[in-house]
Amino acid sequence: MLPHMHKAPKRHRFPVSIISHVVWLYHRFNHSYRDIQEQMAYRGIILSHETIRSWCYKYFFSLQECNQETRA
């Protein structure tokens, strides 16, 4: 989960757990946005690939900071 977020950010309808999982999937396994969209749809979560792209762009650095802190 993103370290500094405990509830859904403003103007986001999905909880932090889904946002962080999507960002993690994209950067960990190098899936395309549409592959992740299909995976989430299989789990019953309907997202557009553009939403996934914007989350990955917006929250990548937060996830990277969290990883660096745990490794140090």
Protein backbone atom coordinates (compact mmCIF):
# COMPACT_ATOMS: atom_id res chain seq x y z
CA MET A 1 0.00 0.00 0.00
CA LEU A 2 1.17 3.53 -0.62
CA PRO A 3 2.81 4.59 2.64
CA HIS A 4 1.35 8.04 3.22
CA MET A 5 -2.20 7.25 2.08
CA HIS A 6 -4.77 5.56 4.28
CA LYS A 7 -7.99 6.49 2.51
CA ALA A 8 -8.95 7.21 -1.08
CA PRO A 9 -7.40 10.42 -2.37
CA LYS A 10 -9.72 13.25 -3.29
CA ARG A 11 -11.49 12.80 -6.62
CA HIS A 12 -10.72 9.05 -6.67
CA ARG A 13 -13.54 6.58 -6.30
CA PHE A 14 -11.37 3.53 -5.64
CA PRO A 15 -9.68 2.72 -2.33
CA VAL A 16 -5.95 2.96 -1.83
CA SER A 17 -5.54 -0.81 -1.86
CA ILE A 18 -6.77 -1.05 -5.47
CA ILE A 19 -4.76 1.96 -6.65
CA SER A 20 -1.55 0.70 -5.09
CA HIS A 21 -2.11 -2.83 -6.40
CA VAL A 22 -2.60 -1.56 -9.95
CA VAL A 23 0.51 0.62 -9.78
CA TRP A 24 2.49 -2.28 -8.30
CA LEU A 25 1.31 -4.68 -11.04
CA TYR A 26 2.33 -2.27 -13.78
CA HIS A 27 5.80 -1.58 -12.46
CA ARG A 28 6.59 -5.01 -11.04
CA PHE A 29 5.54 -7.22 -13.94
CA ASN A 30 5.77 -4.73 -16.84
CA HIS A 31 2.22 -5.44 -18.03
CA SER A 32 0.51 -3.09 -20.43
CA TYR A 33 -2.29 -0.85 -19.17
CA ARG A 34 -4.81 -2.95 -21.08
CA ASP A 35 -3.49 -6.19 -19.57
CA ILE A 36 -4.01 -4.76 -16.10
CA GLN A 37 -7.44 -3.52 -17.15
CA GLU A 38 -8.37 -7.09 -18.10
CA GLN A 39 -6.99 -8.50 -14.84
CA MET A 40 -9.02 -6.05 -12.81
CA ALA A 41 -12.15 -6.73 -14.88
CA TYR A 42 -11.73 -10.43 -14.14
CA ARG A 43 -11.83 -9.52 -10.45
CA GLY A 44 -14.94 -7.38 -10.96
CA ILE A 45 -13.24 -3.98 -10.92
CA ILE A 46 -13.98 -1.95 -14.04
CA LEU A 47 -11.23 0.54 -14.92
CA SER A 48 -10.16 2.26 -18.09
CA HIS A 49 -6.60 1.94 -19.30
CA GLU A 50 -6.35 5.75 -19.11
CA THR A 51 -7.17 5.65 -15.39
CA ILE A 52 -4.42 3.09 -14.87
CA ARG A 53 -1.98 5.22 -16.84
CA SER A 54 -2.74 8.31 -14.77
CA TRP A 55 -2.39 6.38 -11.48
CA CYS A 56 0.95 4.94 -12.57
CA TYR A 57 2.22 8.37 -13.50
CA LYS A 58 0.88 10.02 -10.36
CA TYR A 59 1.81 7.43 -7.70
CA PHE A 60 5.01 5.87 -9.04
CA PHE A 61 7.32 8.07 -7.01
CA SER A 62 5.43 7.38 -3.78
CA LEU A 63 5.78 3.67 -4.38
CA GLN A 64 9.46 4.08 -5.24
CA GLU A 65 10.12 6.02 -2.01
CA CYS A 66 8.40 3.29 0.00
CA ASN A 67 10.61 0.62 -1.60
CA GLN A 68 13.79 2.60 -0.94
CA GLU A 69 12.88 3.06 2.72
CA THR A 70 12.28 -0.65 3.24
CA ARG A 71 15.58 -1.59 1.58
CA ALA A 72 17.67 0.87 3.56
